[in-house]
Amino acid sequence: MEVSKPNGMALGFLTVRKHTVHGYFGGLLVLNHLARPLEFHCTLPVMTTRAQQILYGATLDEFVCGEQIARALVLKAKSAPSVLFTDTPASLSLRHIHPLPIAAIEGSWNRGSSTFTQPHLDRSDLQVAELGSLKLLVLPEYRKDLESFDNIFRSHEPNIDLIEPFGRIEEALREAHPATKAA
């Protein structure tokens, strides 16, 4: 009987959802190489004030998603992921304040959710790279992070569906915050 060798690789999956009434919700799921959960953390709803909306303007979603929610979730994790995937490009701003490589998976948001909206990222200069059949997006100033994703997948060859974990996070967020279930 062949036994698979343990693999110390951990992958992080981060999502941030915006609800029109209850504000922003974030979730972080850390998986092992078999796609089994090592950790899950989520935030309480984050509401912005009118003053924040005025002062941050078009960058409000980047600030809330990346610098507030993503930062809090990553700092809380005990299993340090090697890289972090997100379906919320506005969360990429985490990279400005944390050294963990983070990439958004293009098109990973589209799961038919009607109670959440996607936080907005007002940038058109994201760098794109292919990882198998997926397209990864990173902030241009952190283009070298794409090498981290490529190296991990070349050396560890994880057999993980990189889109599916975001659905698990969204369902867990709905269970943790039942008020968001109402349309």
N, C-alpha and C. Protein backbone atom coordinates (compact mmCIF):
# COMPACT_ATOMS: atom_id res chain seq x y z
N MET A 1 0.84 -1.18 0.00
CA MET A 1 0.00 0.00 0.00
C MET A 1 0.89 1.23 0.00
N GLU A 2 0.59 2.12 -0.93
CA GLU A 2 1.36 3.35 -1.02
C GLU A 2 0.74 4.42 -0.12
N VAL A 3 1.57 5.01 0.66
CA VAL A 3 1.11 6.08 1.55
C VAL A 3 1.68 7.39 1.04
N SER A 4 0.79 8.37 0.89
CA SER A 4 1.28 9.67 0.42
C SER A 4 2.09 10.35 1.51
N LYS A 5 3.12 11.02 1.09
CA LYS A 5 3.97 11.72 2.03
C LYS A 5 3.27 12.97 2.53
N PRO A 6 3.41 13.27 3.80
CA PRO A 6 2.82 14.51 4.29
C PRO A 6 3.48 15.70 3.61
N ASN A 7 2.71 16.68 3.36
CA ASN A 7 3.18 17.87 2.67
C ASN A 7 2.84 19.05 3.57
N GLY A 8 3.84 19.81 3.94
CA GLY A 8 3.62 20.91 4.86
C GLY A 8 3.03 22.15 4.23
N MET A 9 2.70 22.06 2.96
CA MET A 9 2.18 23.23 2.27
C MET A 9 0.78 23.60 2.79
N ALA A 10 0.57 24.89 2.99
CA ALA A 10 -0.75 25.40 3.36
C ALA A 10 -1.08 26.53 2.39
N LEU A 11 -2.31 26.48 1.89
CA LEU A 11 -2.77 27.52 0.97
C LEU A 11 -3.89 28.30 1.65
N GLY A 12 -3.84 29.62 1.53
CA GLY A 12 -4.87 30.46 2.11
C GLY A 12 -5.86 30.94 1.05
N PHE A 13 -7.13 30.98 1.45
CA PHE A 13 -8.19 31.47 0.56
C PHE A 13 -8.95 32.55 1.33
N LEU A 14 -9.01 33.71 0.75
CA LEU A 14 -9.61 34.87 1.41
C LEU A 14 -10.74 35.42 0.56
N THR A 15 -11.85 35.70 1.19
CA THR A 15 -12.93 36.37 0.49
C THR A 15 -13.50 37.47 1.37
N VAL A 16 -13.96 38.53 0.73
CA VAL A 16 -14.65 39.60 1.43
C VAL A 16 -15.94 39.86 0.66
N ARG A 17 -17.03 39.86 1.38
CA ARG A 17 -18.34 40.10 0.79
C ARG A 17 -18.89 41.42 1.32
N LYS A 18 -19.66 42.08 0.49
CA LYS A 18 -20.27 43.35 0.89
C LYS A 18 -21.78 43.16 0.80
N HIS A 19 -22.44 43.39 1.92
CA HIS A 19 -23.89 43.29 2.00
C HIS A 19 -24.44 44.71 2.09
N THR A 20 -25.49 44.99 1.35
CA THR A 20 -25.99 46.36 1.27
C THR A 20 -26.48 46.88 2.61
N VAL A 21 -26.97 46.02 3.48
CA VAL A 21 -27.49 46.44 4.78
C VAL A 21 -26.48 46.24 5.90
N HIS A 22 -25.80 45.10 5.91
CA HIS A 22 -24.96 44.72 7.05
C HIS A 22 -23.47 45.04 6.89
N GLY A 23 -23.05 45.53 5.74
CA GLY A 23 -21.65 45.91 5.56
C GLY A 23 -20.78 44.80 4.99
N TYR A 24 -19.51 44.83 5.35
CA TYR A 24 -18.50 43.91 4.81
C TYR A 24 -18.31 42.73 5.76
N PHE A 25 -18.13 41.54 5.16
CA PHE A 25 -17.83 40.31 5.90
C PHE A 25 -16.61 39.68 5.26
N GLY A 26 -15.71 39.16 6.07
CA GLY A 26 -14.54 38.50 5.51
C GLY A 26 -14.34 37.12 6.09
N GLY A 27 -13.76 36.24 5.28
CA GLY A 27 -13.47 34.90 5.74
C GLY A 27 -12.13 34.44 5.18
N LEU A 28 -11.38 33.70 6.01
CA LEU A 28 -10.10 33.13 5.59
C LEU A 28 -10.13 31.64 5.88
N LEU A 29 -9.89 30.84 4.86
CA LEU A 29 -9.82 29.40 4.98
C LEU A 29 -8.40 28.97 4.60
N VAL A 30 -7.74 28.26 5.50
CA VAL A 30 -6.41 27.73 5.22
C VAL A 30 -6.55 26.22 5.02
N LEU A 31 -6.07 25.74 3.86
CA LEU A 31 -6.20 24.33 3.50
C LEU A 31 -4.83 23.66 3.43
N ASN A 32 -4.82 22.35 3.69
CA ASN A 32 -3.58 21.60 3.45
C ASN A 32 -3.55 21.14 1.99
N HIS A 33 -2.55 20.36 1.63
CA HIS A 33 -2.38 19.95 0.24
C HIS A 33 -3.48 19.02 -0.25
N LEU A 34 -4.31 18.49 0.67
CA LEU A 34 -5.42 17.62 0.29
C LEU A 34 -6.74 18.40 0.28
N ALA A 35 -6.68 19.71 0.39
CA ALA A 35 -7.85 20.59 0.42
C ALA A 35 -8.67 20.43 1.69
N ARG A 36 -8.04 19.92 2.73
CA ARG A 36 -8.74 19.80 4.02
C ARG A 36 -8.45 21.05 4.86
N PRO A 37 -9.47 21.52 5.58
CA PRO A 37 -9.28 22.76 6.33
C PRO A 37 -8.33 22.61 7.51
N LEU A 38 -7.41 23.55 7.62
CA LEU A 38 -6.54 23.64 8.78
C LEU A 38 -7.08 24.68 9.75
N GLU A 39 -7.64 25.75 9.18
CA GLU A 39 -8.19 26.84 10.00
C GLU A 39 -9.25 27.58 9.21
N PHE A 40 -10.21 28.16 9.93
CA PHE A 40 -11.17 29.08 9.34
C PHE A 40 -11.39 30.22 10.32
N HIS A 41 -11.35 31.42 9.80
CA HIS A 41 -11.64 32.60 10.61
C HIS A 41 -12.56 33.50 9.81
N CYS A 42 -13.45 34.20 10.51
CA CYS A 42 -14.30 35.18 9.83
C CYS A 42 -14.43 36.41 10.71
N THR A 43 -14.84 37.49 10.09
CA THR A 43 -14.98 38.74 10.82
C THR A 43 -16.44 38.99 11.17
N LEU A 44 -16.63 39.86 12.12
CA LEU A 44 -17.95 40.42 12.36
C LEU A 44 -18.22 41.41 11.23
N PRO A 45 -19.48 41.82 11.04
CA PRO A 45 -19.74 42.82 9.99
C PRO A 45 -18.96 44.11 10.25
N VAL A 46 -18.42 44.65 9.19
CA VAL A 46 -17.68 45.92 9.27
C VAL A 46 -18.50 46.98 8.54
N MET A 47 -18.95 47.96 9.28
CA MET A 47 -19.72 49.06 8.69
C MET A 47 -18.81 50.28 8.57
N THR A 48 -18.93 50.97 7.48
CA THR A 48 -18.15 52.20 7.32
C THR A 48 -19.00 53.40 7.71
N THR A 49 -18.32 54.44 8.15
CA THR A 49 -19.03 55.66 8.51
C THR A 49 -19.13 56.57 7.28
N ARG A 50 -19.99 57.52 7.36
CA ARG A 50 -20.12 58.49 6.26
C ARG A 50 -18.81 59.26 6.08
N ALA A 51 -18.14 59.56 7.18
CA ALA A 51 -16.86 60.27 7.10
C ALA A 51 -15.82 59.42 6.37
N GLN A 52 -15.77 58.10 6.63
CA GLN A 52 -14.83 57.23 5.92
C GLN A 52 -15.16 57.18 4.44
N GLN A 53 -16.45 57.11 4.12
CA GLN A 53 -16.85 57.07 2.72
C GLN A 53 -16.39 58.32 1.99
N ILE A 54 -16.47 59.46 2.65
CA ILE A 54 -16.04 60.73 2.04
C ILE A 54 -14.52 60.78 1.93
N LEU A 55 -13.83 60.44 3.02
CA LEU A 55 -12.38 60.58 3.05
C LEU A 55 -11.65 59.57 2.16
N TYR A 56 -12.13 58.33 2.11
CA TYR A 56 -11.46 57.30 1.30
C TYR A 56 -11.95 57.28 -0.14
N GLY A 57 -13.13 57.80 -0.40
CA GLY A 57 -13.64 57.88 -1.76
C GLY A 57 -13.58 56.55 -2.49
N ALA A 58 -13.01 56.57 -3.69
CA ALA A 58 -12.95 55.36 -4.54
C ALA A 58 -12.06 54.28 -3.96
N THR A 59 -11.23 54.59 -2.97
CA THR A 59 -10.34 53.58 -2.39
C THR A 59 -10.91 52.95 -1.11
N LEU A 60 -12.15 53.24 -0.79
CA LEU A 60 -12.75 52.71 0.45
C LEU A 60 -12.76 51.18 0.46
N ASP A 61 -13.19 50.54 -0.62
CA ASP A 61 -13.25 49.07 -0.63
C ASP A 61 -11.86 48.47 -0.47
N GLU A 62 -10.84 49.05 -1.12
CA GLU A 62 -9.47 48.55 -0.95
C GLU A 62 -9.03 48.64 0.50
N PHE A 63 -9.33 49.77 1.14
CA PHE A 63 -8.94 49.97 2.54
C PHE A 63 -9.64 48.95 3.44
N VAL A 64 -10.95 48.84 3.32
CA VAL A 64 -11.71 47.95 4.20
C VAL A 64 -11.35 46.49 3.93
N CYS A 65 -11.33 46.09 2.65
CA CYS A 65 -11.10 44.68 2.31
C CYS A 65 -9.66 44.24 2.59
N GLY A 66 -8.68 45.03 2.16
CA GLY A 66 -7.29 44.61 2.27
C GLY A 66 -6.63 44.99 3.58
N GLU A 67 -6.76 46.26 3.94
CA GLU A 67 -6.00 46.76 5.08
C GLU A 67 -6.71 46.55 6.42
N GLN A 68 -8.00 46.34 6.42
CA GLN A 68 -8.71 46.09 7.67
C GLN A 68 -9.07 44.60 7.82
N ILE A 69 -9.92 44.10 6.93
CA ILE A 69 -10.43 42.73 7.08
C ILE A 69 -9.35 41.68 6.78
N ALA A 70 -8.71 41.76 5.62
CA ALA A 70 -7.71 40.75 5.25
C ALA A 70 -6.56 40.75 6.26
N ARG A 71 -6.10 41.91 6.63
CA ARG A 71 -5.00 42.01 7.59
C ARG A 71 -5.37 41.33 8.91
N ALA A 72 -6.55 41.61 9.44
CA ALA A 72 -6.98 41.02 10.71
C ALA A 72 -7.06 39.51 10.61
N LEU A 73 -7.58 38.99 9.51
CA LEU A 73 -7.73 37.54 9.34
C LEU A 73 -6.37 36.85 9.21
N VAL A 74 -5.47 37.42 8.43
CA VAL A 74 -4.15 36.81 8.22
C VAL A 74 -3.35 36.83 9.52
N LEU A 75 -3.44 37.90 10.26
CA LEU A 75 -2.70 37.97 11.53
C LEU A 75 -3.25 36.98 12.56
N LYS A 76 -4.52 36.63 12.45
CA LYS A 76 -5.13 35.69 13.40
C LYS A 76 -4.78 34.24 13.10
N ALA A 77 -4.42 33.93 11.87
CA ALA A 77 -4.14 32.55 11.46
C ALA A 77 -2.88 32.02 12.14
N LYS A 78 -2.97 30.80 12.64
CA LYS A 78 -1.81 30.15 13.26
C LYS A 78 -1.06 29.30 12.25
N SER A 79 -1.76 28.76 11.24
CA SER A 79 -1.13 28.00 10.16
C SER A 79 -0.79 28.99 9.05
N ALA A 80 0.47 29.35 8.97
CA ALA A 80 0.88 30.36 7.99
C ALA A 80 0.80 29.79 6.58
N PRO A 81 -0.09 30.31 5.75
CA PRO A 81 -0.14 29.84 4.36
C PRO A 81 1.09 30.31 3.59
N SER A 82 1.47 29.51 2.58
CA SER A 82 2.60 29.88 1.72
C SER A 82 2.23 31.01 0.77
N VAL A 83 1.00 30.97 0.31
CA VAL A 83 0.46 32.01 -0.57
C VAL A 83 -1.01 32.19 -0.22
N LEU A 84 -1.57 33.30 -0.69
CA LEU A 84 -2.96 33.60 -0.41
C LEU A 84 -3.69 33.89 -1.70
N PHE A 85 -4.79 33.16 -1.94
CA PHE A 85 -5.66 33.42 -3.09
C PHE A 85 -6.87 34.19 -2.61
N THR A 86 -7.38 35.05 -3.45
CA THR A 86 -8.61 35.76 -3.12
C THR A 86 -9.50 35.83 -4.35
N ASP A 87 -10.80 35.93 -4.10
CA ASP A 87 -11.74 36.17 -5.19
C ASP A 87 -12.20 37.63 -5.16
N THR A 88 -11.59 38.42 -4.29
CA THR A 88 -11.95 39.82 -4.10
C THR A 88 -10.73 40.69 -4.42
N PRO A 89 -10.60 41.15 -5.66
CA PRO A 89 -9.42 41.94 -6.01
C PRO A 89 -9.17 43.15 -5.09
N ALA A 90 -10.21 43.70 -4.51
CA ALA A 90 -10.01 44.83 -3.59
C ALA A 90 -9.15 44.43 -2.39
N SER A 91 -9.04 43.13 -2.11
CA SER A 91 -8.22 42.65 -1.00
C SER A 91 -6.73 42.64 -1.32
N LEU A 92 -6.38 42.84 -2.58
CA LEU A 92 -4.96 42.82 -2.95
C LEU A 92 -4.15 43.88 -2.21
N SER A 93 -4.81 44.92 -1.72
CA SER A 93 -4.09 45.98 -1.01
C SER A 93 -3.47 45.46 0.30
N LEU A 94 -3.85 44.27 0.73
CA LEU A 94 -3.19 43.65 1.89
C LEU A 94 -1.69 43.60 1.66
N ARG A 95 -1.29 43.39 0.41
CA ARG A 95 0.14 43.21 0.10
C ARG A 95 0.97 44.45 0.45
N HIS A 96 0.35 45.63 0.48
CA HIS A 96 1.08 46.85 0.85
C HIS A 96 1.54 46.83 2.32
N ILE A 97 0.85 46.05 3.15
CA ILE A 97 1.14 46.09 4.59
C ILE A 97 1.52 44.73 5.16
N HIS A 98 1.58 43.69 4.30
CA HIS A 98 1.92 42.33 4.77
C HIS A 98 2.74 41.63 3.69
N PRO A 99 3.78 40.87 4.07
CA PRO A 99 4.67 40.26 3.07
C PRO A 99 4.11 39.02 2.38
N LEU A 100 2.97 38.50 2.78
CA LEU A 100 2.41 37.28 2.19
C LEU A 100 1.99 37.53 0.74
N PRO A 101 2.51 36.71 -0.21
CA PRO A 101 2.07 36.87 -1.61
C PRO A 101 0.57 36.62 -1.73
N ILE A 102 -0.11 37.52 -2.40
CA ILE A 102 -1.56 37.42 -2.58
C ILE A 102 -1.89 37.65 -4.05
N ALA A 103 -2.79 36.81 -4.57
CA ALA A 103 -3.24 36.95 -5.95
C ALA A 103 -4.75 36.73 -6.02
N ALA A 104 -5.39 37.51 -6.86
CA ALA A 104 -6.81 37.30 -7.12
C ALA A 104 -6.94 36.36 -8.30
N ILE A 105 -7.91 35.46 -8.22
CA ILE A 105 -8.18 34.55 -9.33
C ILE A 105 -9.28 35.18 -10.17
N GLU A 106 -8.94 35.50 -11.40
CA GLU A 106 -9.91 36.16 -12.28
C GLU A 106 -11.13 35.28 -12.50
N GLY A 107 -12.29 35.87 -12.37
CA GLY A 107 -13.54 35.15 -12.62
C GLY A 107 -14.01 34.26 -11.50
N SER A 108 -13.32 34.26 -10.36
CA SER A 108 -13.69 33.36 -9.27
C SER A 108 -14.90 33.85 -8.48
N TRP A 109 -15.31 35.09 -8.69
CA TRP A 109 -16.42 35.66 -7.92
C TRP A 109 -17.77 35.11 -8.39
N ASN A 110 -17.91 34.78 -9.63
CA ASN A 110 -19.19 34.47 -10.26
C ASN A 110 -19.76 33.14 -9.80
N ARG A 111 -20.50 33.17 -8.69
CA ARG A 111 -21.17 31.97 -8.21
C ARG A 111 -22.67 32.18 -8.06
N GLY A 112 -23.19 33.29 -8.57
CA GLY A 112 -24.62 33.53 -8.54
C GLY A 112 -25.16 34.04 -7.23
N SER A 113 -24.32 34.57 -6.36
CA SER A 113 -24.78 35.11 -5.09
C SER A 113 -25.60 36.37 -5.33
N SER A 114 -26.77 36.45 -4.72
CA SER A 114 -27.59 37.64 -4.92
C SER A 114 -27.64 38.54 -3.70
N THR A 115 -27.20 38.06 -2.54
CA THR A 115 -27.28 38.88 -1.34
C THR A 115 -26.00 39.68 -1.08
N PHE A 116 -24.94 39.39 -1.81
CA PHE A 116 -23.69 40.12 -1.63
C PHE A 116 -23.32 40.82 -2.94
N THR A 117 -22.59 41.91 -2.80
CA THR A 117 -22.02 42.56 -3.97
C THR A 117 -20.50 42.47 -3.85
N GLN A 118 -19.83 42.62 -4.98
CA GLN A 118 -18.39 42.53 -4.98
C GLN A 118 -17.79 43.91 -4.67
N PRO A 119 -16.94 43.97 -3.64
CA PRO A 119 -16.24 45.24 -3.39
C PRO A 119 -15.45 45.65 -4.63
N HIS A 120 -15.33 46.94 -4.82
CA HIS A 120 -14.77 47.50 -6.05
C HIS A 120 -13.27 47.78 -5.91
N LEU A 121 -12.53 47.45 -6.96
CA LEU A 121 -11.11 47.81 -7.05
C LEU A 121 -10.97 48.73 -8.25
N ASP A 122 -10.53 49.95 -8.00
CA ASP A 122 -10.45 50.96 -9.06
C ASP A 122 -9.04 51.01 -9.63
N ARG A 123 -8.60 49.89 -10.23
CA ARG A 123 -7.27 49.83 -10.86
C ARG A 123 -7.39 49.06 -12.16
N SER A 124 -6.68 49.51 -13.16
CA SER A 124 -6.69 48.80 -14.43
C SER A 124 -5.29 48.29 -14.78
N ASP A 125 -4.35 48.41 -13.86
CA ASP A 125 -2.97 48.03 -14.15
C ASP A 125 -2.52 46.74 -13.48
N LEU A 126 -3.47 45.87 -13.11
CA LEU A 126 -3.10 44.62 -12.46
C LEU A 126 -2.29 43.75 -13.41
N GLN A 127 -1.32 43.05 -12.87
CA GLN A 127 -0.49 42.14 -13.67
C GLN A 127 -1.18 40.78 -13.72
N VAL A 128 -1.13 40.15 -14.87
CA VAL A 128 -1.83 38.88 -15.09
C VAL A 128 -0.83 37.79 -15.42
N ALA A 129 -1.04 36.61 -14.84
CA ALA A 129 -0.24 35.43 -15.17
C ALA A 129 -1.15 34.22 -15.17
N GLU A 130 -0.80 33.24 -15.94
CA GLU A 130 -1.60 32.02 -15.99
C GLU A 130 -1.04 30.98 -15.04
N LEU A 131 -1.95 30.31 -14.36
CA LEU A 131 -1.62 29.18 -13.50
C LEU A 131 -2.55 28.06 -13.93
N GLY A 132 -2.06 27.18 -14.76
CA GLY A 132 -2.94 26.17 -15.37
C GLY A 132 -3.96 26.87 -16.24
N SER A 133 -5.22 26.59 -15.98
CA SER A 133 -6.29 27.23 -16.76
C SER A 133 -6.79 28.52 -16.13
N LEU A 134 -6.20 28.92 -14.99
CA LEU A 134 -6.65 30.11 -14.28
C LEU A 134 -5.76 31.30 -14.58
N LYS A 135 -6.34 32.49 -14.41
CA LYS A 135 -5.56 33.72 -14.52
C LYS A 135 -5.46 34.36 -13.14
N LEU A 136 -4.21 34.62 -12.73
CA LEU A 136 -3.95 35.26 -11.45
C LEU A 136 -3.68 36.74 -11.67
N LEU A 137 -4.20 37.57 -10.77
CA LEU A 137 -4.00 39.02 -10.84
C LEU A 137 -3.26 39.46 -9.59
N VAL A 138 -2.22 40.28 -9.77
CA VAL A 138 -1.49 40.85 -8.64
C VAL A 138 -1.30 42.35 -8.90
N LEU A 139 -1.03 43.07 -7.83
CA LEU A 139 -0.71 44.48 -7.99
C LEU A 139 0.61 44.60 -8.73
N PRO A 140 0.77 45.56 -9.63
CA PRO A 140 1.97 45.64 -10.46
C PRO A 140 3.26 45.78 -9.67
N GLU A 141 3.22 46.45 -8.52
CA GLU A 141 4.44 46.63 -7.73
C GLU A 141 4.89 45.33 -7.05
N TYR A 142 4.04 44.28 -7.08
CA TYR A 142 4.39 42.99 -6.47
C TYR A 142 4.36 41.88 -7.52
N ARG A 143 4.74 42.19 -8.72
CA ARG A 143 4.73 41.22 -9.83
C ARG A 143 5.60 40.00 -9.51
N LYS A 144 6.68 40.19 -8.76
CA LYS A 144 7.55 39.06 -8.41
C LYS A 144 6.82 38.00 -7.57
N ASP A 145 5.70 38.37 -6.94
CA ASP A 145 4.92 37.39 -6.18
C ASP A 145 4.42 36.26 -7.06
N LEU A 146 4.24 36.53 -8.34
CA LEU A 146 3.76 35.49 -9.25
C LEU A 146 4.72 34.31 -9.28
N GLU A 147 6.02 34.57 -9.07
CA GLU A 147 7.00 33.48 -9.01
C GLU A 147 6.72 32.55 -7.84
N SER A 148 6.27 33.10 -6.71
CA SER A 148 5.95 32.27 -5.54
C SER A 148 4.83 31.29 -5.87
N PHE A 149 3.80 31.78 -6.55
CA PHE A 149 2.69 30.90 -6.91
C PHE A 149 3.18 29.81 -7.88
N ASP A 150 3.96 30.21 -8.85
CA ASP A 150 4.46 29.27 -9.84
C ASP A 150 5.36 28.22 -9.18
N ASN A 151 6.26 28.65 -8.31
CA ASN A 151 7.16 27.72 -7.63
C ASN A 151 6.42 26.72 -6.76
N ILE A 152 5.43 27.17 -6.04
CA ILE A 152 4.67 26.27 -5.17
C ILE A 152 3.96 25.21 -5.99
N PHE A 153 3.37 25.62 -7.09
CA PHE A 153 2.61 24.66 -7.88
C PHE A 153 3.52 23.75 -8.71
N ARG A 154 4.71 24.19 -9.02
CA ARG A 154 5.66 23.31 -9.71
C ARG A 154 6.26 22.29 -8.76
N SER A 155 6.60 22.72 -7.54
CA SER A 155 7.30 21.83 -6.61
C SER A 155 6.34 20.92 -5.83
N HIS A 156 5.14 21.38 -5.52
CA HIS A 156 4.22 20.58 -4.70
C HIS A 156 3.12 19.92 -5.50
N GLU A 157 2.83 20.44 -6.67
CA GLU A 157 1.77 19.92 -7.53
C GLU A 157 0.50 19.60 -6.74
N PRO A 158 -0.06 20.55 -6.02
CA PRO A 158 -1.29 20.27 -5.28
C PRO A 158 -2.43 20.01 -6.26
N ASN A 159 -3.24 19.05 -5.90
CA ASN A 159 -4.38 18.71 -6.74
C ASN A 159 -5.64 19.30 -6.11
N ILE A 160 -5.69 20.60 -6.11
CA ILE A 160 -6.78 21.32 -5.45
C ILE A 160 -7.50 22.19 -6.46
N ASP A 161 -8.83 22.15 -6.41
CA ASP A 161 -9.64 23.08 -7.18
C ASP A 161 -9.51 24.44 -6.49
N LEU A 162 -8.93 25.40 -7.16
CA LEU A 162 -8.66 26.69 -6.52
C LEU A 162 -9.87 27.62 -6.47
N ILE A 163 -10.96 27.25 -7.09
CA ILE A 163 -12.18 28.06 -7.05
C ILE A 163 -13.13 27.58 -5.95
N GLU A 164 -13.24 26.29 -5.77
CA GLU A 164 -14.21 25.69 -4.85
C GLU A 164 -14.11 26.22 -3.41
N PRO A 165 -12.93 26.44 -2.84
CA PRO A 165 -12.88 26.91 -1.45
C PRO A 165 -13.62 28.24 -1.21
N PHE A 166 -13.73 29.07 -2.22
CA PHE A 166 -14.44 30.34 -2.02
C PHE A 166 -15.93 30.11 -1.75
N GLY A 167 -16.49 29.07 -2.37
CA GLY A 167 -17.88 28.71 -2.10
C GLY A 167 -18.06 28.24 -0.66
N ARG A 168 -17.07 27.47 -0.17
CA ARG A 168 -17.14 27.03 1.23
C ARG A 168 -17.09 28.22 2.18
N ILE A 169 -16.23 29.18 1.87
CA ILE A 169 -16.12 30.36 2.74
C ILE A 169 -17.43 31.13 2.74
N GLU A 170 -18.01 31.33 1.56
CA GLU A 170 -19.26 32.10 1.49
C GLU A 170 -20.37 31.41 2.28
N GLU A 171 -20.47 30.08 2.15
CA GLU A 171 -21.49 29.35 2.91
C GLU A 171 -21.23 29.47 4.41
N ALA A 172 -19.97 29.39 4.81
CA ALA A 172 -19.64 29.52 6.24
C ALA A 172 -19.97 30.92 6.74
N LEU A 173 -19.76 31.93 5.91
CA LEU A 173 -20.12 33.29 6.30
C LEU A 173 -21.64 33.42 6.47
N ARG A 174 -22.39 32.80 5.61
CA ARG A 174 -23.86 32.84 5.73
C ARG A 174 -24.31 32.15 7.02
N GLU A 175 -23.65 31.05 7.38
CA GLU A 175 -24.00 30.35 8.63
C GLU A 175 -23.61 31.17 9.85
N ALA A 176 -22.48 31.85 9.77
CA ALA A 176 -22.02 32.66 10.89
C ALA A 176 -22.84 33.94 11.05
N HIS A 177 -23.41 34.41 9.96
CA HIS A 177 -24.18 35.66 9.97
C HIS A 177 -25.52 35.42 9.29
N PRO A 178 -26.48 34.77 9.97
CA PRO A 178 -27.75 34.40 9.34
C PRO A 178 -28.52 35.59 8.74
N ALA A 179 -28.31 36.78 9.24
CA ALA A 179 -29.04 37.95 8.71
C ALA A 179 -28.74 38.18 7.24
N THR A 180 -27.60 37.67 6.75
CA THR A 180 -27.24 37.89 5.35
C THR A 180 -27.96 36.93 4.41
N LYS A 181 -28.67 35.94 4.95
CA LYS A 181 -29.36 34.97 4.10
C LYS A 181 -30.58 35.58 3.44
N ALA A 182 -31.23 36.54 4.10
CA ALA A 182 -32.42 37.17 3.53
C ALA A 182 -32.02 38.00 2.33
N ALA A 183 -32.73 37.84 1.24
CA ALA A 183 -32.41 38.57 0.01
C ALA A 183 -32.86 40.01 0.07
